[in-house]
Protein backbone atom coordinates (compact mmCIF):
# COMPACT_ATOMS: atom_id res chain seq x y z
CA UNK A 1 8.14 26.07 -15.14
CA UNK A 2 8.73 23.14 -12.82
CA UNK A 3 11.12 23.85 -9.96
CA UNK A 4 12.38 21.96 -6.94
CA UNK A 5 10.52 23.35 -3.93
CA UNK A 6 9.80 22.29 -0.40
CA UNK A 7 6.16 21.29 -0.10
CA UNK A 8 5.41 23.87 2.58
CA UNK A 9 6.95 26.69 0.57
CA UNK A 10 5.05 25.66 -2.56
CA UNK A 11 1.76 25.62 -0.66
CA UNK A 12 2.47 29.02 0.90
CA UNK A 13 3.13 30.51 -2.53
CA UNK A 14 -0.04 28.93 -3.91
CA UNK A 15 -2.04 30.44 -1.04
CA UNK A 16 -0.45 33.83 -1.74
CA UNK A 17 -1.56 33.59 -5.38
CA UNK A 18 -5.14 33.27 -4.07
CA UNK A 19 -4.85 36.81 -2.61
CA UNK A 20 -5.91 36.13 0.99
CA UNK A 21 -7.03 39.14 3.01
CA UNK A 22 -6.26 37.58 6.40
CA UNK A 23 -3.77 34.91 7.45
CA UNK A 24 -3.95 33.87 11.08
CA UNK A 25 -1.21 31.62 12.40
CA UNK A 26 0.04 29.76 15.41
CA UNK A 27 3.02 27.48 14.72
CA UNK A 28 2.98 23.72 15.29
CA UNK A 29 5.15 21.14 13.54
CA UNK A 30 4.97 20.12 10.74
CA UNK A 31 2.85 23.07 9.58
CA UNK A 32 5.26 25.82 10.64
CA UNK A 33 7.13 26.34 7.38
CA UNK A 34 3.88 27.21 5.59
CA UNK A 35 2.91 30.10 7.83
CA UNK A 36 6.54 31.22 8.22
CA UNK A 37 6.87 31.61 4.46
CA UNK A 38 3.56 33.46 4.25
CA UNK A 39 4.77 35.85 6.97
CA UNK A 40 7.89 36.58 4.91
CA UNK A 41 5.76 37.29 1.84
CA UNK A 42 3.58 39.70 3.81
CA UNK A 43 6.59 41.42 5.43
CA UNK A 44 8.40 41.84 2.11
CA UNK A 45 5.36 43.40 0.45
CA UNK A 46 4.97 40.47 -1.94
CA UNK A 47 1.47 39.87 -0.57
CA UNK A 48 -0.06 43.34 -0.44
CA UNK A 49 -3.33 43.96 1.33
CA UNK A 50 -3.00 40.88 3.54
CA UNK A 51 -3.25 41.18 7.32
CA UNK A 52 -1.02 38.61 9.04
CA UNK A 53 -2.06 37.80 12.61
CA UNK A 54 0.25 36.14 15.13
CA UNK A 55 -2.13 34.71 17.71
CA UNK A 56 -1.66 32.97 21.05
CA UNK A 57 -3.16 29.57 20.21
CA UNK A 58 -4.79 27.46 17.55
CA UNK A 59 -8.19 28.18 19.06
CA UNK A 60 -7.48 31.90 18.67
CA UNK A 61 -6.35 31.33 15.09
CA UNK A 62 -9.65 29.77 14.06
CA UNK A 63 -11.64 32.27 16.11
CA UNK A 64 -10.02 35.23 14.35
CA UNK A 65 -10.76 33.66 10.97
CA UNK A 66 -14.41 33.31 11.92
CA UNK A 67 -14.54 37.04 12.56
CA UNK A 68 -12.54 37.85 9.42
CA UNK A 69 -14.66 35.66 7.16
CA UNK A 70 -17.85 37.10 8.62
CA UNK A 71 -16.70 40.53 7.41
CA UNK A 72 -16.14 39.18 3.87
CA UNK A 73 -12.37 38.68 4.07
CA UNK A 74 -10.76 35.78 2.22
CA UNK A 75 -9.24 33.89 5.14
CA UNK A 76 -6.57 31.21 5.65
CA UNK A 77 -4.74 29.29 8.36
CA UNK A 78 -2.80 26.04 8.82
CA UNK A 79 -2.44 23.62 11.69
CA UNK A 80 -1.70 20.00 12.64
CA UNK A 81 -2.41 17.32 15.20
CA UNK A 82 -3.07 18.65 18.72
CA UNK A 83 -3.51 22.12 17.23
CA UNK A 84 -6.46 20.95 15.16
CA UNK A 85 -8.01 19.29 18.21
CA UNK A 86 -7.47 22.43 20.30
CA UNK A 87 -9.44 24.52 17.81
CA UNK A 88 -12.20 21.90 17.49
CA UNK A 89 -15.02 24.02 18.95
CA UNK A 90 -14.24 26.87 16.56
CA UNK A 91 -13.81 24.45 13.64
CA UNK A 92 -17.39 23.25 14.13
CA UNK A 93 -18.59 26.85 14.51
CA UNK A 94 -16.98 27.93 11.23
CA UNK A 95 -18.84 25.20 9.37
CA UNK A 96 -22.12 25.73 11.19
CA UNK A 97 -22.03 29.44 10.38
CA UNK A 98 -21.37 28.72 6.69
CA UNK A 99 -18.16 30.77 6.55
CA UNK A 100 -15.82 30.32 3.59
CA UNK A 101 -12.16 29.86 4.54
CA UNK A 102 -9.31 27.47 3.79
CA UNK A 103 -7.13 25.60 6.26
CA UNK A 104 -4.14 23.38 5.56
CA UNK A 105 -3.80 20.39 7.87
CA UNK A 106 -0.25 19.04 7.84
CA UNK A 107 -1.31 15.59 8.96
CA UNK A 108 0.39 14.38 12.12
CA UNK A 109 -0.37 11.73 14.73
CA UNK A 110 -2.26 12.77 17.85
CA UNK A 111 -1.40 11.89 21.45
CA UNK A 112 -1.06 10.31 23.79
CA UNK A 113 1.62 9.07 23.45
CA UNK A 114 3.28 12.15 21.96
CA UNK A 115 4.32 11.62 18.36
CA UNK A 116 5.23 14.34 15.86
CA UNK A 117 5.34 12.12 12.77
CA UNK A 118 2.75 11.53 10.10
CA UNK A 119 -0.51 9.72 10.09
CA UNK A 120 -4.05 10.97 9.38
CA UNK A 121 -5.62 10.65 12.81
CA UNK A 122 -5.96 14.41 13.26
CA UNK A 123 -8.08 15.22 10.22
CA UNK A 124 -10.03 11.97 10.60
CA UNK A 125 -11.01 13.11 14.08
CA UNK A 126 -12.63 16.16 12.41
CA UNK A 127 -14.19 14.29 9.50
CA UNK A 128 -17.75 15.03 10.58
CA UNK A 129 -17.32 18.68 11.56
CA UNK A 130 -18.89 20.05 8.37
CA UNK A 131 -15.72 21.09 6.50
CA UNK A 132 -15.04 19.85 2.99
CA UNK A 133 -11.95 17.61 3.27
CA UNK A 134 -9.49 17.23 0.40
CA UNK A 135 -6.37 15.01 0.51
CA UNK A 136 -3.22 15.59 -1.56
CA UNK A 137 -1.27 12.66 -2.98
CA UNK A 138 1.86 14.74 -3.67
CA UNK A 139 3.07 18.32 -3.50
CA UNK A 140 1.87 19.23 -6.97
CA UNK A 141 -1.59 18.14 -5.98
CA UNK A 142 -1.30 20.07 -2.72
CA UNK A 143 -0.59 23.26 -4.70
CA UNK A 144 -3.48 22.67 -7.08
CA UNK A 145 -5.96 21.73 -4.37
CA UNK A 146 -5.37 24.95 -2.43
CA UNK A 147 -6.39 27.08 -5.39
CA UNK A 148 -9.43 24.90 -5.95
CA UNK A 149 -10.24 24.98 -2.23
CA UNK A 150 -10.62 28.77 -2.18
CA UNK A 151 -12.98 28.55 -5.16
CA UNK A 152 -15.02 25.81 -3.45
CA UNK A 153 -15.18 27.79 -0.22
CA UNK A 154 -16.45 30.89 -2.00
CA UNK A 155 -19.10 29.13 -4.06
CA UNK A 156 -20.35 26.78 -1.36
CA UNK A 157 -19.98 29.32 1.47
CA UNK A 158 -18.31 26.58 3.47
CA UNK A 159 -14.84 26.06 4.97
CA UNK A 160 -12.47 23.71 3.16
CA UNK A 161 -9.64 21.68 4.69
CA UNK A 162 -6.70 20.63 2.50
CA UNK A 163 -4.82 17.74 4.10
CA UNK A 164 -1.23 16.94 3.18
CA UNK A 165 0.98 14.41 4.94
CA UNK A 166 3.24 16.05 7.50
CA UNK A 167 6.99 15.85 6.81
CA UNK A 168 6.39 13.29 4.03
CA UNK A 169 5.05 16.13 1.86
CA UNK A 170 5.43 19.35 3.86
CA UNK A 171 9.21 18.97 4.22
CA UNK A 172 9.91 17.05 1.02
CA UNK A 173 11.51 18.75 -1.99
CA UNK A 174 9.82 17.82 -5.25
CA UNK A 175 9.45 19.28 -8.70
CA UNK A 176 6.38 21.49 -8.57
CA UNK A 177 4.84 23.79 -11.15
CA UNK A 178 3.15 26.78 -9.59
CA UNK A 179 0.33 28.36 -11.58
CA UNK A 180 0.76 31.94 -12.69
CA UNK A 181 -1.21 34.75 -11.12
CA UNK A 182 -3.23 35.05 -14.33
CA UNK A 183 -4.13 31.36 -14.24
CA UNK A 184 -5.21 31.56 -10.61
CA UNK A 185 -7.28 34.68 -11.29
CA UNK A 186 -9.01 32.88 -14.17
CA UNK A 187 -10.11 30.09 -11.81
CA UNK A 188 -10.58 32.16 -8.65
CA UNK A 189 -12.43 35.47 -9.08
CA UNK A 190 -12.71 37.91 -6.18
CA UNK A 191 -14.97 36.68 -3.36
CA UNK A 192 -18.65 37.18 -4.16
CA UNK A 193 -20.58 39.83 -2.32
CA UNK A 194 -22.50 38.30 0.57
CA UNK A 195 -24.07 39.47 3.84
CA UNK A 196 -21.25 40.50 6.16
CA UNK A 197 -20.80 42.07 9.55
CA UNK A 198 -21.18 45.82 9.24
CA UNK A 199 -21.45 48.16 12.25
CA UNK A 200 -23.71 50.41 10.19
CA UNK A 201 -26.18 47.58 9.61
CA UNK A 202 -25.90 45.20 12.56
CA UNK A 203 -27.09 41.62 12.28
CA UNK A 204 -26.94 38.59 14.54
CA UNK A 205 -24.69 35.69 13.53
CA UNK A 206 -24.77 32.35 15.30
CA UNK A 207 -27.95 32.99 17.28
CA UNK A 208 -29.48 30.22 19.38
CA UNK A 209 -31.76 27.82 17.49
CA UNK A 210 -34.16 25.69 19.50
CA UNK A 211 -35.64 22.25 18.88
CA UNK A 212 -38.34 23.71 16.64
CA UNK A 213 -35.82 24.59 13.89
CA UNK A 214 -32.44 22.95 14.66
CA UNK A 215 -33.10 19.83 12.57
CA UNK A 216 -34.03 21.96 9.57
CA UNK A 217 -30.88 24.05 9.95
CA UNK A 218 -28.72 20.93 10.00
CA UNK A 219 -30.60 19.42 7.06
CA UNK A 220 -29.91 22.50 4.95
CA UNK A 221 -26.25 22.46 6.02
CA UNK A 222 -26.00 18.85 4.90
CA UNK A 223 -27.52 19.70 1.51
CA UNK A 224 -25.01 22.49 0.97
CA UNK A 225 -22.11 20.29 2.10
CA UNK A 226 -23.06 17.52 -0.33
CA UNK A 227 -23.11 20.03 -3.17
CA UNK A 228 -19.31 19.84 -3.15
CA UNK A 229 -19.67 16.49 -4.93
CA UNK A 230 -21.21 18.32 -7.88
CA UNK A 231 -18.99 21.39 -7.78
CA UNK A 232 -15.50 19.92 -7.26
CA UNK A 233 -15.32 18.16 -10.66
CA UNK A 234 -16.39 21.42 -12.35
CA UNK A 235 -13.73 23.42 -10.50
CA UNK A 236 -11.13 20.77 -11.35
CA UNK A 237 -12.07 21.04 -15.02
CA UNK A 238 -11.77 24.85 -14.90
CA UNK A 239 -8.37 24.55 -13.24
CA UNK A 240 -7.17 22.03 -15.83
CA UNK A 241 -8.24 24.33 -18.67
CA UNK A 242 -6.49 27.32 -17.10
CA UNK A 243 -3.20 25.54 -16.33
CA UNK A 244 -3.07 22.85 -19.00
CA UNK A 245 -2.45 20.33 -16.25
CA UNK A 246 -4.67 17.52 -15.02
CA UNK A 247 -6.37 18.35 -11.73
CA UNK A 248 -7.74 15.97 -9.14
CA UNK A 249 -11.50 15.71 -8.89
CA UNK A 250 -13.36 13.52 -6.42
CA UNK A 251 -11.15 10.47 -6.88
CA UNK A 252 -8.09 9.31 -8.80
CA UNK A 253 -7.99 5.86 -10.37
CA UNK A 254 -4.94 3.86 -11.39
CA UNK A 255 -5.30 0.55 -13.27
CA UNK A 256 -8.78 0.05 -11.81
CA UNK A 257 -10.43 -0.94 -15.08
CA UNK A 258 -10.73 -4.71 -15.06
CA UNK A 259 -8.92 -5.08 -11.74
CA UNK A 260 -9.80 -8.03 -9.51
CA UNK A 261 -8.64 -6.17 -6.38
CA UNK A 262 -8.71 -2.42 -5.77
CA UNK A 263 -6.70 -0.81 -2.98
CA UNK A 264 -8.27 2.39 -1.61
CA UNK A 265 -6.15 5.01 0.14
CA UNK A 266 -5.65 8.73 0.81
CA UNK A 267 -2.53 10.88 0.67
CA UNK A 268 1.10 10.25 -0.15
CA UNK A 269 0.95 6.44 0.08
CA UNK A 270 -0.84 6.48 -3.28
CA UNK A 271 2.41 7.04 -5.17
CA UNK A 272 4.08 4.05 -3.55
CA UNK A 273 1.00 1.91 -4.13
CA UNK A 274 0.95 2.77 -7.83
CA UNK A 275 4.64 1.92 -8.18
CA UNK A 276 4.13 -1.43 -6.45
CA UNK A 277 1.21 -2.27 -8.74
CA UNK A 278 3.43 -1.53 -11.76
CA UNK A 279 6.20 -3.78 -10.42
CA UNK A 280 4.01 -6.85 -9.97
CA UNK A 281 3.71 -9.39 -12.77
CA UNK A 282 2.09 -12.27 -10.89
CA UNK A 283 -1.28 -12.88 -9.31
CA UNK A 284 -4.49 -10.99 -9.72
CA UNK A 285 -4.68 -7.63 -11.39
CA UNK A 286 -4.62 -4.84 -8.80
CA UNK A 287 -5.82 -1.25 -9.15
CA UNK A 288 -5.46 1.78 -6.89
CA UNK A 289 -8.24 4.20 -5.97
CA UNK A 290 -7.19 7.48 -4.37
CA UNK A 291 -9.80 9.52 -2.54
CA UNK A 292 -9.08 13.19 -3.18
CA UNK A 293 -12.38 14.28 -1.65
CA UNK A 294 -13.15 12.47 1.59
CA UNK A 295 -15.87 14.73 2.98
CA UNK A 296 -18.45 14.76 1.62
CA UNK A 297 -17.83 11.11 0.80
CA UNK A 298 -17.97 10.43 -2.97
CA UNK A 299 -19.92 7.16 -2.77
CA UNK A 300 -21.07 7.17 -6.41
CA UNK A 301 -17.53 7.76 -7.69
CA UNK A 302 -16.20 4.95 -5.48
CA UNK A 303 -18.84 2.52 -6.75
CA UNK A 304 -18.04 3.40 -10.35
CA UNK A 305 -14.29 3.02 -9.84
CA UNK A 306 -14.46 -0.46 -8.29
CA UNK A 307 -17.31 -1.88 -10.37
CA UNK A 308 -15.23 -4.75 -11.79
CA UNK A 309 -13.40 -5.68 -8.57
CA UNK A 310 -14.47 -8.51 -6.30
CA UNK A 311 -12.19 -7.52 -3.41
CA UNK A 312 -11.58 -4.07 -1.89
CA UNK A 313 -8.62 -3.40 0.40
CA UNK A 314 -8.72 -0.11 2.33
CA UNK A 315 -5.38 1.21 3.55
CA UNK A 316 -6.06 3.13 6.78
CA UNK A 317 -3.48 5.55 8.11
CA UNK A 318 -5.54 6.29 11.19
CA UNK A 319 -7.19 4.00 13.70
CA UNK A 320 -10.75 4.06 14.98
CA UNK A 321 -10.35 2.21 18.27
CA UNK A 322 -12.81 -0.64 18.49
CA UNK A 323 -13.72 -0.34 14.78
CA UNK A 324 -12.15 -1.44 11.51
CA UNK A 325 -11.38 2.10 10.41
CA UNK A 326 -13.17 5.28 9.31
CA UNK A 327 -12.39 5.08 5.59
CA UNK A 328 -13.19 1.37 5.43
CA UNK A 329 -16.54 2.00 7.09
CA UNK A 330 -17.41 4.61 4.46
CA UNK A 331 -16.30 2.36 1.61
CA UNK A 332 -18.24 -0.61 2.99
CA UNK A 333 -21.35 1.55 3.35
CA UNK A 334 -21.00 2.74 -0.26
CA UNK A 335 -20.75 -0.88 -1.44
CA UNK A 336 -23.43 -2.32 0.82
CA UNK A 337 -25.39 -5.08 -0.91
CA UNK A 338 -22.83 -5.53 -3.68
CA UNK A 339 -21.36 -8.72 -2.23
CA UNK A 340 -17.81 -7.37 -2.39
CA UNK A 341 -15.32 -8.18 0.34
CA UNK A 342 -13.89 -5.09 2.12
CA UNK A 343 -10.72 -5.57 4.19
CA UNK A 344 -9.07 -2.96 6.43
CA UNK A 345 -5.29 -2.66 6.50
CA UNK A 346 -4.00 -0.35 9.25
CA UNK A 347 -0.50 0.95 8.54
CA UNK A 348 1.76 3.97 8.74
CA UNK A 349 0.64 4.99 12.24
CA UNK A 350 2.90 7.51 13.96
CA UNK A 351 5.08 7.85 10.89
CA UNK A 352 6.07 4.20 10.41
CA UNK A 353 7.22 3.97 6.78
CA UNK A 354 4.85 2.25 4.36
CA UNK A 355 7.53 0.93 2.04
CA UNK A 356 7.32 -0.88 -1.28
CA UNK A 357 8.50 -4.07 0.42
CA UNK A 358 5.69 -3.85 2.99
CA UNK A 359 3.07 -3.29 0.29
CA UNK A 360 4.45 -6.16 -1.81
CA UNK A 361 3.99 -8.46 1.19
CA UNK A 362 0.43 -7.16 1.55
CA UNK A 363 -0.40 -7.89 -2.09
CA UNK A 364 1.23 -11.32 -1.77
CA UNK A 365 -1.30 -12.09 0.96
CA UNK A 366 -4.09 -10.77 -1.26
CA UNK A 367 -2.94 -13.06 -4.06
CA UNK A 368 -2.99 -16.06 -1.66
CA UNK A 369 -6.46 -15.08 -0.48
CA UNK A 370 -4.94 -14.80 2.99
CA UNK A 371 -6.18 -11.37 4.07
CA UNK A 372 -8.34 -11.09 7.21
CA UNK A 373 -11.06 -8.47 7.56
CA UNK A 374 -8.68 -6.35 9.63
CA UNK A 375 -4.88 -6.46 9.46
CA UNK A 376 -2.26 -4.36 11.25
CA UNK A 377 0.40 -4.28 8.57
CA UNK A 378 4.04 -4.68 9.65
CA UNK A 379 3.03 -5.20 13.29
CA UNK A 380 5.82 -6.30 15.65
CA UNK A 381 4.12 -9.28 17.26
CA UNK A 382 6.95 -9.85 19.75
CA UNK A 383 6.44 -6.41 21.30
CA UNK A 384 2.67 -6.82 21.41
CA UNK A 385 2.79 -10.35 22.83
CA UNK A 386 5.26 -9.39 25.58
CA UNK A 387 3.03 -6.51 26.68
CA UNK A 388 -0.10 -8.65 26.61
CA UNK A 389 1.64 -11.33 28.70
CA UNK A 390 2.83 -8.70 31.18
CA UNK A 391 -0.69 -7.26 31.49
CA UNK A 392 -2.18 -10.73 31.95
CA UNK A 393 0.37 -11.55 34.67
CA UNK A 394 -0.48 -8.34 36.53
CA UNK A 395 -4.18 -9.18 36.31
CA UNK A 396 -3.56 -12.65 37.70
CA UNK A 397 -1.57 -11.27 40.64
CA UNK A 398 -4.30 -8.74 41.36
CA UNK A 399 -6.89 -11.52 41.35
CA UNK A 400 -4.76 -13.61 43.73
CA UNK A 401 -4.51 -10.66 46.13
CA UNK A 402 -8.29 -10.14 46.04
CA UNK A 403 -8.97 -13.81 46.70
């Protein structure tokens, strides 16, 4: 039954249905409501057999999960922004050790300057750490992806990150249908038996590897990571059969067939983009391609989705300083040699709303063939120009003093 639920609460209840053995938490906005609700479920006895750990930092949170997963425990945490960066060393270690666990990233801008609102700079900073990265377009998808993430983690023996836009989704109330415990159990069996830490049979985990074998270790890790591209569609199909509801696979397409222009994006902006495409009755036909799986990058699925388009517009909600953008770079690499134009549109940084009106203006420029290779959408030029003039004046005065 569909019910109005806050996104964070819905995700917490979905995680609980996956029967985690260990939840390790350190609060940081906008992730806090997720771990708070899980703590209430543990305290009330609604989540039996789960150990809930209040730790002193995000680094400690990930470190405890590494130990828990190494003993065979199904493990979970959530974080955001500076918290994700603080645990970076342990995030890489979890992937390098091949430890299955799930982490929610409630996407939030990273400093400096300090900003608590939504963009995707935090998870993009960790895009090459070896975790599978999944992005939710809405709260229903966030619920579904968490169940699928635990299955992926178990089968791949890799950590999986589920990214959902902070505040925009975590604190939004939407109609969500939670799966039943029976449906989750049908998709997510108990964790498979695997080598674990056991004092009675000690082993070494994370030993030093020298130049003679390090490349081979990383090659094998890459092979296992890429296997998510094969497995995720199968897990999505299993989930759809169990729940009777469509489940996201590698990508989601909307009106892409026969489209002249395809707009590529991740996360909650996809809903607004689809609405804007429906509202337009002039100009070229526009489709929307949502990347549910971002790491590993689903290059084949992207190529198939945009095969009829001559222009690709990538909406970036993070910024790679000095580059056009991380998602655009991946899309351009996937389409190399195809002759298609790939433009980067940077928007929504630090929580600036990406409204229907803003996207209509973007598609108007597309229709006029007036889109540069890189565009900062909705940029306040007056503010930027004043600061650039001030900086130039200071530089001139400094030069005068030196001369």
